[in-house]
Amino acid sequence: MTATLAHMSENHPRRGLTDKSRVPTPAEIRTARERAGLSQSEAAARVLGSVKAWQNWESENPAENRRMHPGLFKLFLILTNQPVPDWLK
């Protein structure tokens, strides 16, 4: 059975957001990392991710940018003792 790209993106939990949910912006991710005083490598290690993934989450370039799951962003904030914004509660 072959799935189309449209079908795959419809079934992905964070693609094609249609409700009030949102994902952190690259600027929010970068700001949180900088507030924690961490390099991209150190931040990625905190959430058991790769450096490349972290770079993609922070990238403003649409060709490189990947959405960070809100739960992962919340975990990062908690692990680095930062306040969790209301939209993540």
PDB file of N, CA and C in Angstrom:
ATOM      1  N   MET A   1       0.842  -1.173   0.000  1.00  0.00           N
ATOM      2  CA  MET A   1       0.000   0.000   0.000  1.00  0.00           C
ATOM      3  C   MET A   1       0.889   1.240   0.000  1.00  0.00           C
ATOM      4  N   THR A   2       0.692   2.115  -0.942  1.00  0.00           N
ATOM      5  CA  THR A   2       1.494   3.321  -1.067  1.00  0.00           C
ATOM      6  C   THR A   2       0.684   4.522  -0.601  1.00  0.00           C
ATOM      7  N   ALA A   3       1.256   5.295   0.324  1.00  0.00           N
ATOM      8  CA  ALA A   3       0.579   6.498   0.819  1.00  0.00           C
ATOM      9  C   ALA A   3       1.078   7.701   0.043  1.00  0.00           C
ATOM     10  N   THR A   4       0.192   8.620  -0.236  1.00  0.00           N
ATOM     11  CA  THR A   4       0.607   9.856  -0.910  1.00  0.00           C
ATOM     12  C   THR A   4       1.188  10.803   0.125  1.00  0.00           C
ATOM     13  N   LEU A   5       1.951  11.776  -0.338  1.00  0.00           N
ATOM     14  CA  LEU A   5       2.521  12.765   0.588  1.00  0.00           C
ATOM     15  C   LEU A   5       1.427  13.529   1.309  1.00  0.00           C
ATOM     16  N   ALA A   6       0.354  13.860   0.599  1.00  0.00           N
ATOM     17  CA  ALA A   6      -0.747  14.587   1.232  1.00  0.00           C
ATOM     18  C   ALA A   6      -1.347  13.747   2.356  1.00  0.00           C
ATOM     19  N   HIS A   7      -1.539  12.469   2.086  1.00  0.00           N
ATOM     20  CA  HIS A   7      -2.103  11.587   3.099  1.00  0.00           C
ATOM     21  C   HIS A   7      -1.162  11.476   4.301  1.00  0.00           C
ATOM     22  N   MET A   8       0.118  11.344   4.029  1.00  0.00           N
ATOM     23  CA  MET A   8       1.096  11.229   5.112  1.00  0.00           C
ATOM     24  C   MET A   8       1.097  12.484   5.970  1.00  0.00           C
ATOM     25  N   SER A   9       1.045  13.667   5.352  1.00  0.00           N
ATOM     26  CA  SER A   9       1.094  14.895   6.137  1.00  0.00           C
ATOM     27  C   SER A   9      -0.200  15.114   6.917  1.00  0.00           C
ATOM     28  N   GLU A  10      -1.321  14.635   6.394  1.00  0.00           N
ATOM     29  CA  GLU A  10      -2.580  14.762   7.125  1.00  0.00           C
ATOM     30  C   GLU A  10      -2.559  13.939   8.401  1.00  0.00           C
ATOM     31  N   ASN A  11      -1.863  12.816   8.365  1.00  0.00           N
ATOM     32  CA  ASN A  11      -1.830  11.928   9.517  1.00  0.00           C
ATOM     33  C   ASN A  11      -0.719  12.254  10.501  1.00  0.00           C
ATOM     34  N   HIS A  12       0.176  13.155  10.139  1.00  0.00           N
ATOM     35  CA  HIS A  12       1.253  13.528  11.052  1.00  0.00           C
ATOM     36  C   HIS A  12       0.666  14.434  12.127  1.00  0.00           C
ATOM     37  N   PRO A  13       1.037  14.227  13.394  1.00  0.00           N
ATOM     38  CA  PRO A  13       0.419  14.985  14.477  1.00  0.00           C
ATOM     39  C   PRO A  13       0.635  16.488  14.451  1.00  0.00           C
ATOM     40  N   ARG A  14       1.626  16.977  13.742  1.00  0.00           N
ATOM     41  CA  ARG A  14       1.912  18.404  13.779  1.00  0.00           C
ATOM     42  C   ARG A  14       1.912  19.080  12.410  1.00  0.00           C
ATOM     43  N   ARG A  15       1.650  18.369  11.359  1.00  0.00           N
ATOM     44  CA  ARG A  15       1.634  18.999  10.037  1.00  0.00           C
ATOM     45  C   ARG A  15       0.231  19.464   9.720  1.00  0.00           C
ATOM     46  N   GLY A  16       0.137  20.593   9.054  1.00  0.00           N
ATOM     47  CA  GLY A  16      -1.166  21.109   8.662  1.00  0.00           C
ATOM     48  C   GLY A  16      -2.022  21.465   9.863  1.00  0.00           C
ATOM     49  N   LEU A  17      -1.455  22.188  10.812  1.00  0.00           N
ATOM     50  CA  LEU A  17      -2.198  22.544  12.017  1.00  0.00           C
ATOM     51  C   LEU A  17      -3.437  23.336  11.657  1.00  0.00           C
ATOM     52  N   THR A  18      -4.560  22.919  12.190  1.00  0.00           N
ATOM     53  CA  THR A  18      -5.802  23.615  11.889  1.00  0.00           C
ATOM     54  C   THR A  18      -6.500  24.117  13.139  1.00  0.00           C
ATOM     55  N   ASP A  19      -6.028  23.733  14.309  1.00  0.00           N
ATOM     56  CA  ASP A  19      -6.648  24.181  15.540  1.00  0.00           C
ATOM     57  C   ASP A  19      -5.792  25.256  16.202  1.00  0.00           C
ATOM     58  N   LYS A  20      -6.041  25.499  17.470  1.00  0.00           N
ATOM     59  CA  LYS A  20      -5.301  26.540  18.183  1.00  0.00           C
ATOM     60  C   LYS A  20      -3.872  26.133  18.516  1.00  0.00           C
ATOM     61  N   SER A  21      -3.550  24.855  18.352  1.00  0.00           N
ATOM     62  CA  SER A  21      -2.204  24.384  18.657  1.00  0.00           C
ATOM     63  C   SER A  21      -1.179  25.113  17.806  1.00  0.00           C
ATOM     64  N   ARG A  22       0.001  25.201  18.337  1.00  0.00           N
ATOM     65  CA  ARG A  22       1.082  25.784  17.551  1.00  0.00           C
ATOM     66  C   ARG A  22       2.395  25.162  17.964  1.00  0.00           C
ATOM     67  N   VAL A  23       3.381  25.398  17.168  1.00  0.00           N
ATOM     68  CA  VAL A  23       4.719  24.893  17.448  1.00  0.00           C
ATOM     69  C   VAL A  23       5.624  26.089  17.739  1.00  0.00           C
ATOM     70  N   PRO A  24       6.714  25.867  18.458  1.00  0.00           N
ATOM     71  CA  PRO A  24       7.612  26.985  18.738  1.00  0.00           C
ATOM     72  C   PRO A  24       8.287  27.482  17.464  1.00  0.00           C
ATOM     73  N   THR A  25       8.497  28.775  17.394  1.00  0.00           N
ATOM     74  CA  THR A  25       9.168  29.363  16.238  1.00  0.00           C
ATOM     75  C   THR A  25      10.669  29.158  16.373  1.00  0.00           C
ATOM     76  N   PRO A  26      11.395  29.257  15.268  1.00  0.00           N
ATOM     77  CA  PRO A  26      12.855  29.166  15.357  1.00  0.00           C
ATOM     78  C   PRO A  26      13.440  30.185  16.348  1.00  0.00           C
ATOM     79  N   ALA A  27      12.875  31.390  16.377  1.00  0.00           N
ATOM     80  CA  ALA A  27      13.375  32.421  17.288  1.00  0.00           C
ATOM     81  C   ALA A  27      13.137  32.027  18.748  1.00  0.00           C
ATOM     82  N   GLU A  28      11.987  31.431  19.045  1.00  0.00           N
ATOM     83  CA  GLU A  28      11.696  30.991  20.415  1.00  0.00           C
ATOM     84  C   GLU A  28      12.667  29.884  20.844  1.00  0.00           C
ATOM     85  N   ILE A  29      12.951  28.982  19.930  1.00  0.00           N
ATOM     86  CA  ILE A  29      13.865  27.881  20.229  1.00  0.00           C
ATOM     87  C   ILE A  29      15.270  28.408  20.477  1.00  0.00           C
ATOM     88  N   ARG A  30      15.720  29.304  19.601  1.00  0.00           N
ATOM     89  CA  ARG A  30      17.055  29.884  19.742  1.00  0.00           C
ATOM     90  C   ARG A  30      17.163  30.673  21.047  1.00  0.00           C
ATOM     91  N   THR A  31      16.147  31.484  21.342  1.00  0.00           N
ATOM     92  CA  THR A  31      16.145  32.288  22.561  1.00  0.00           C
ATOM     93  C   THR A  31      16.205  31.410  23.802  1.00  0.00           C
ATOM     94  N   ALA A  32      15.432  30.331  23.827  1.00  0.00           N
ATOM     95  CA  ALA A  32      15.436  29.420  24.977  1.00  0.00           C
ATOM     96  C   ALA A  32      16.810  28.782  25.156  1.00  0.00           C
ATOM     97  N   ARG A  33      17.428  28.386  24.059  1.00  0.00           N
ATOM     98  CA  ARG A  33      18.764  27.782  24.141  1.00  0.00           C
ATOM     99  C   ARG A  33      19.779  28.793  24.677  1.00  0.00           C
ATOM    100  N   GLU A  34      19.731  30.008  24.142  1.00  0.00           N
ATOM    101  CA  GLU A  34      20.678  31.036  24.571  1.00  0.00           C
ATOM    102  C   GLU A  34      20.472  31.405  26.041  1.00  0.00           C
ATOM    103  N   ARG A  35      19.213  31.459  26.482  1.00  0.00           N
ATOM    104  CA  ARG A  35      18.937  31.748  27.900  1.00  0.00           C
ATOM    105  C   ARG A  35      19.500  30.669  28.808  1.00  0.00           C
ATOM    106  N   ALA A  36      19.512  29.445  28.300  1.00  0.00           N
ATOM    107  CA  ALA A  36      20.058  28.324  29.065  1.00  0.00           C
ATOM    108  C   ALA A  36      21.581  28.327  29.039  1.00  0.00           C
ATOM    109  N   GLY A  37      22.174  29.163  28.187  1.00  0.00           N
ATOM    110  CA  GLY A  37      23.624  29.240  28.085  1.00  0.00           C
ATOM    111  C   GLY A  37      24.242  28.009  27.428  1.00  0.00           C
ATOM    112  N   LEU A  38      23.492  27.393  26.499  1.00  0.00           N
ATOM    113  CA  LEU A  38      23.952  26.162  25.858  1.00  0.00           C
ATOM    114  C   LEU A  38      24.272  26.371  24.383  1.00  0.00           C
ATOM    115  N   SER A  39      25.207  25.586  23.895  1.00  0.00           N
ATOM    116  CA  SER A  39      25.470  25.530  22.450  1.00  0.00           C
ATOM    117  C   SER A  39      24.372  24.672  21.816  1.00  0.00           C
ATOM    118  N   GLN A  40      24.310  24.675  20.503  1.00  0.00           N
ATOM    119  CA  GLN A  40      23.338  23.817  19.824  1.00  0.00           C
ATOM    120  C   GLN A  40      23.604  22.355  20.150  1.00  0.00           C
ATOM    121  N   SER A  41      24.857  21.982  20.218  1.00  0.00           N
ATOM    122  CA  SER A  41      25.228  20.602  20.538  1.00  0.00           C
ATOM    123  C   SER A  41      24.777  20.219  21.949  1.00  0.00           C
ATOM    124  N   GLU A  42      24.998  21.096  22.900  1.00  0.00           N
ATOM    125  CA  GLU A  42      24.600  20.834  24.280  1.00  0.00           C
ATOM    126  C   GLU A  42      23.080  20.772  24.423  1.00  0.00           C
ATOM    127  N   ALA A  43      22.385  21.670  23.713  1.00  0.00           N
ATOM    128  CA  ALA A  43      20.918  21.679  23.763  1.00  0.00           C
ATOM    129  C   ALA A  43      20.354  20.399  23.169  1.00  0.00           C
ATOM    130  N   ALA A  44      20.899  19.977  22.052  1.00  0.00           N
ATOM    131  CA  ALA A  44      20.439  18.740  21.416  1.00  0.00           C
ATOM    132  C   ALA A  44      20.645  17.551  22.348  1.00  0.00           C
ATOM    133  N   ALA A  45      21.765  17.524  23.033  1.00  0.00           N
ATOM    134  CA  ALA A  45      22.048  16.420  23.957  1.00  0.00           C
ATOM    135  C   ALA A  45      21.039  16.381  25.104  1.00  0.00           C
ATOM    136  N   ARG A  46      20.563  17.537  25.548  1.00  0.00           N
ATOM    137  CA  ARG A  46      19.594  17.585  26.649  1.00  0.00           C
ATOM    138  C   ARG A  46      18.296  16.862  26.292  1.00  0.00           C
ATOM    139  N   VAL A  47      17.904  16.923  25.006  1.00  0.00           N
ATOM    140  CA  VAL A  47      16.649  16.277  24.582  1.00  0.00           C
ATOM    141  C   VAL A  47      16.922  15.003  23.777  1.00  0.00           C
ATOM    142  N   LEU A  48      18.170  14.515  23.863  1.00  0.00           N
ATOM    143  CA  LEU A  48      18.580  13.283  23.170  1.00  0.00           C
ATOM    144  C   LEU A  48      18.371  13.380  21.657  1.00  0.00           C
ATOM    145  N   GLY A  49      18.623  14.566  21.123  1.00  0.00           N
ATOM    146  CA  GLY A  49      18.504  14.799  19.685  1.00  0.00           C
ATOM    147  C   GLY A  49      19.861  15.009  19.051  1.00  0.00           C
ATOM    148  N   SER A  50      19.858  15.145  17.735  1.00  0.00           N
ATOM    149  CA  SER A  50      21.105  15.392  17.018  1.00  0.00           C
ATOM    150  C   SER A  50      21.344  16.890  16.855  1.00  0.00           C
ATOM    151  N   VAL A  51      22.591  17.240  16.649  1.00  0.00           N
ATOM    152  CA  VAL A  51      22.938  18.643  16.413  1.00  0.00           C
ATOM    153  C   VAL A  51      22.235  19.130  15.145  1.00  0.00           C
ATOM    154  N   LYS A  52      22.213  18.321  14.104  1.00  0.00           N
ATOM    155  CA  LYS A  52      21.567  18.710  12.845  1.00  0.00           C
ATOM    156  C   LYS A  52      20.081  18.996  13.063  1.00  0.00           C
ATOM    157  N   ALA A  53      19.422  18.165  13.855  1.00  0.00           N
ATOM    158  CA  ALA A  53      18.001  18.406  14.143  1.00  0.00           C
ATOM    159  C   ALA A  53      17.834  19.754  14.842  1.00  0.00           C
ATOM    160  N   TRP A  54      18.697  20.022  15.818  1.00  0.00           N
ATOM    161  CA  TRP A  54      18.578  21.296  16.540  1.00  0.00           C
ATOM    162  C   TRP A  54      18.821  22.468  15.587  1.00  0.00           C
ATOM    163  N   GLN A  55      19.811  22.338  14.731  1.00  0.00           N
ATOM    164  CA  GLN A  55      20.082  23.398  13.755  1.00  0.00           C
ATOM    165  C   GLN A  55      18.868  23.623  12.859  1.00  0.00           C
ATOM    166  N   ASN A  56      18.216  22.558  12.456  1.00  0.00           N
ATOM    167  CA  ASN A  56      17.025  22.688  11.613  1.00  0.00           C
ATOM    168  C   ASN A  56      15.873  23.348  12.366  1.00  0.00           C
ATOM    169  N   TRP A  57      15.722  23.048  13.660  1.00  0.00           N
ATOM    170  CA  TRP A  57      14.655  23.674  14.442  1.00  0.00           C
ATOM    171  C   TRP A  57      14.879  25.170  14.582  1.00  0.00           C
ATOM    172  N   GLU A  58      16.134  25.591  14.630  1.00  0.00           N
ATOM    173  CA  GLU A  58      16.449  27.014  14.771  1.00  0.00           C
ATOM    174  C   GLU A  58      16.535  27.749  13.438  1.00  0.00           C
ATOM    175  N   SER A  59      16.569  27.049  12.351  1.00  0.00           N
ATOM    176  CA  SER A  59      16.793  27.669  11.046  1.00  0.00           C
ATOM    177  C   SER A  59      15.606  28.527  10.602  1.00  0.00           C
ATOM    178  N   GLU A  60      15.920  29.722  10.133  1.00  0.00           N
ATOM    179  CA  GLU A  60      14.905  30.615   9.557  1.00  0.00           C
ATOM    180  C   GLU A  60      14.698  30.323   8.073  1.00  0.00           C
ATOM    181  N   ASN A  61      15.585  29.528   7.490  1.00  0.00           N
ATOM    182  CA  ASN A  61      15.488  29.170   6.072  1.00  0.00           C
ATOM    183  C   ASN A  61      14.382  28.138   5.891  1.00  0.00           C
ATOM    184  N   PRO A  62      13.330  28.457   5.132  1.00  0.00           N
ATOM    185  CA  PRO A  62      12.210  27.528   4.960  1.00  0.00           C
ATOM    186  C   PRO A  62      12.623  26.163   4.402  1.00  0.00           C
ATOM    187  N   ALA A  63      13.691  26.119   3.637  1.00  0.00           N
ATOM    188  CA  ALA A  63      14.137  24.845   3.064  1.00  0.00           C
ATOM    189  C   ALA A  63      14.768  23.944   4.126  1.00  0.00           C
ATOM    190  N   GLU A  64      15.280  24.538   5.196  1.00  0.00           N
ATOM    191  CA  GLU A  64      15.953  23.766   6.242  1.00  0.00           C
ATOM    192  C   GLU A  64      15.115  23.622   7.505  1.00  0.00           C
ATOM    193  N   ASN A  65      14.216  24.560   7.748  1.00  0.00           N
ATOM    194  CA  ASN A  65      13.472  24.587   8.999  1.00  0.00           C
ATOM    195  C   ASN A  65      12.581  23.359   9.143  1.00  0.00           C
ATOM    196  N   ARG A  66      12.624  22.774  10.312  1.00  0.00           N
ATOM    197  CA  ARG A  66      11.740  21.673  10.684  1.00  0.00           C
ATOM    198  C   ARG A  66      11.026  22.079  11.960  1.00  0.00           C
ATOM    199  N   ARG A  67       9.791  21.677  12.094  1.00  0.00           N
ATOM    200  CA  ARG A  67       9.024  22.030  13.286  1.00  0.00           C
ATOM    201  C   ARG A  67       9.450  21.172  14.476  1.00  0.00           C
ATOM    202  N   MET A  68       9.684  21.835  15.589  1.00  0.00           N
ATOM    203  CA  MET A  68       9.971  21.109  16.830  1.00  0.00           C
ATOM    204  C   MET A  68       8.624  20.795  17.480  1.00  0.00           C
ATOM    205  N   HIS A  69       8.451  19.571  17.922  1.00  0.00           N
ATOM    206  CA  HIS A  69       7.213  19.195  18.593  1.00  0.00           C
ATOM    207  C   HIS A  69       7.068  20.026  19.864  1.00  0.00           C
ATOM    208  N   PRO A  70       5.877  20.550  20.138  1.00  0.00           N
ATOM    209  CA  PRO A  70       5.692  21.374  21.334  1.00  0.00           C
ATOM    210  C   PRO A  70       6.068  20.648  22.626  1.00  0.00           C
ATOM    211  N   GLY A  71       5.816  19.352  22.683  1.00  0.00           N
ATOM    212  CA  GLY A  71       6.172  18.592  23.879  1.00  0.00           C
ATOM    213  C   GLY A  71       7.668  18.549  24.109  1.00  0.00           C
ATOM    214  N   LEU A  72       8.436  18.474  23.040  1.00  0.00           N
ATOM    215  CA  LEU A  72       9.892  18.464  23.155  1.00  0.00           C
ATOM    216  C   LEU A  72      10.401  19.831  23.602  1.00  0.00           C
ATOM    217  N   PHE A  73       9.768  20.885  23.090  1.00  0.00           N
ATOM    218  CA  PHE A  73      10.145  22.241  23.501  1.00  0.00           C
ATOM    219  C   PHE A  73       9.834  22.431  24.988  1.00  0.00           C
ATOM    220  N   LYS A  74       8.672  21.958  25.414  1.00  0.00           N
ATOM    221  CA  LYS A  74       8.298  22.064  26.830  1.00  0.00           C
ATOM    222  C   LYS A  74       9.290  21.295  27.694  1.00  0.00           C
ATOM    223  N   LEU A  75       9.665  20.108  27.276  1.00  0.00           N
ATOM    224  CA  LEU A  75      10.657  19.321  28.011  1.00  0.00           C
ATOM    225  C   LEU A  75      11.967  20.083  28.129  1.00  0.00           C
ATOM    226  N   PHE A  76      12.419  20.674  27.026  1.00  0.00           N
ATOM    227  CA  PHE A  76      13.668  21.433  27.054  1.00  0.00           C
ATOM    228  C   PHE A  76      13.572  22.577  28.058  1.00  0.00           C
ATOM    229  N   LEU A  77      12.454  23.291  28.056  1.00  0.00           N
ATOM    230  CA  LEU A  77      12.277  24.402  28.992  1.00  0.00           C
ATOM    231  C   LEU A  77      12.327  23.909  30.434  1.00  0.00           C
ATOM    232  N   ILE A  78      11.660  22.809  30.704  1.00  0.00           N
ATOM    233  CA  ILE A  78      11.649  22.258  32.064  1.00  0.00           C
ATOM    234  C   ILE A  78      13.050  21.807  32.477  1.00  0.00           C
ATOM    235  N   LEU A  79      13.737  21.101  31.580  1.00  0.00           N
ATOM    236  CA  LEU A  79      15.079  20.604  31.896  1.00  0.00           C
ATOM    237  C   LEU A  79      16.086  21.720  32.130  1.00  0.00           C
ATOM    238  N   THR A  80      15.827  22.884  31.537  1.00  0.00           N
ATOM    239  CA  THR A  80      16.760  24.005  31.690  1.00  0.00           C
ATOM    240  C   THR A  80      16.211  25.068  32.653  1.00  0.00           C
ATOM    241  N   ASN A  81      15.217  24.679  33.452  1.00  0.00           N
ATOM    242  CA  ASN A  81      14.650  25.551  34.496  1.00  0.00           C
ATOM    243  C   ASN A  81      14.154  26.887  33.963  1.00  0.00           C
ATOM    244  N   GLN A  82      13.461  26.844  32.836  1.00  0.00           N
ATOM    245  CA  GLN A  82      12.893  28.055  32.258  1.00  0.00           C
ATOM    246  C   GLN A  82      11.377  28.009  32.388  1.00  0.00           C
ATOM    247  N   PRO A  83      10.739  29.174  32.449  1.00  0.00           N
ATOM    248  CA  PRO A  83       9.282  29.188  32.543  1.00  0.00           C
ATOM    249  C   PRO A  83       8.634  28.624  31.279  1.00  0.00           C
ATOM    250  N   VAL A  84       7.531  27.925  31.468  1.00  0.00           N
ATOM    251  CA  VAL A  84       6.782  27.373  30.346  1.00  0.00           C
ATOM    252  C   VAL A  84       5.688  28.375  29.987  1.00  0.00           C
ATOM    253  N   PRO A  85       5.629  28.821  28.730  1.00  0.00           N
ATOM    254  CA  PRO A  85       4.613  29.804  28.341  1.00  0.00           C
ATOM    255  C   PRO A  85       3.200  29.216  28.420  1.00  0.00           C
ATOM    256  N   ASP A  86       2.224  30.089  28.575  1.00  0.00           N
ATOM    257  CA  ASP A  86       0.836  29.653  28.703  1.00  0.00           C
ATOM    258  C   ASP A  86       0.374  28.784  27.544  1.00  0.00           C
ATOM    259  N   TRP A  87       0.842  29.069  26.329  1.00  0.00           N
ATOM    260  CA  TRP A  87       0.358  28.298  25.188  1.00  0.00           C
ATOM    261  C   TRP A  87       0.824  26.840  25.209  1.00  0.00           C
ATOM    262  N   LEU A  88       1.781  26.519  26.092  1.00  0.00           N
ATOM    263  CA  LEU A  88       2.252  25.140  26.230  1.00  0.00           C
ATOM    264  C   LEU A  88       1.664  24.427  27.447  1.00  0.00           C
ATOM    265  N   LYS A  89       0.876  25.121  28.224  1.00  0.00           N
ATOM    266  CA  LYS A  89       0.304  24.504  29.443  1.00  0.00           C
ATOM    267  C   LYS A  89      -0.984  23.788  29.117  1.00  0.00           C
TER     268      LYS A  89
END
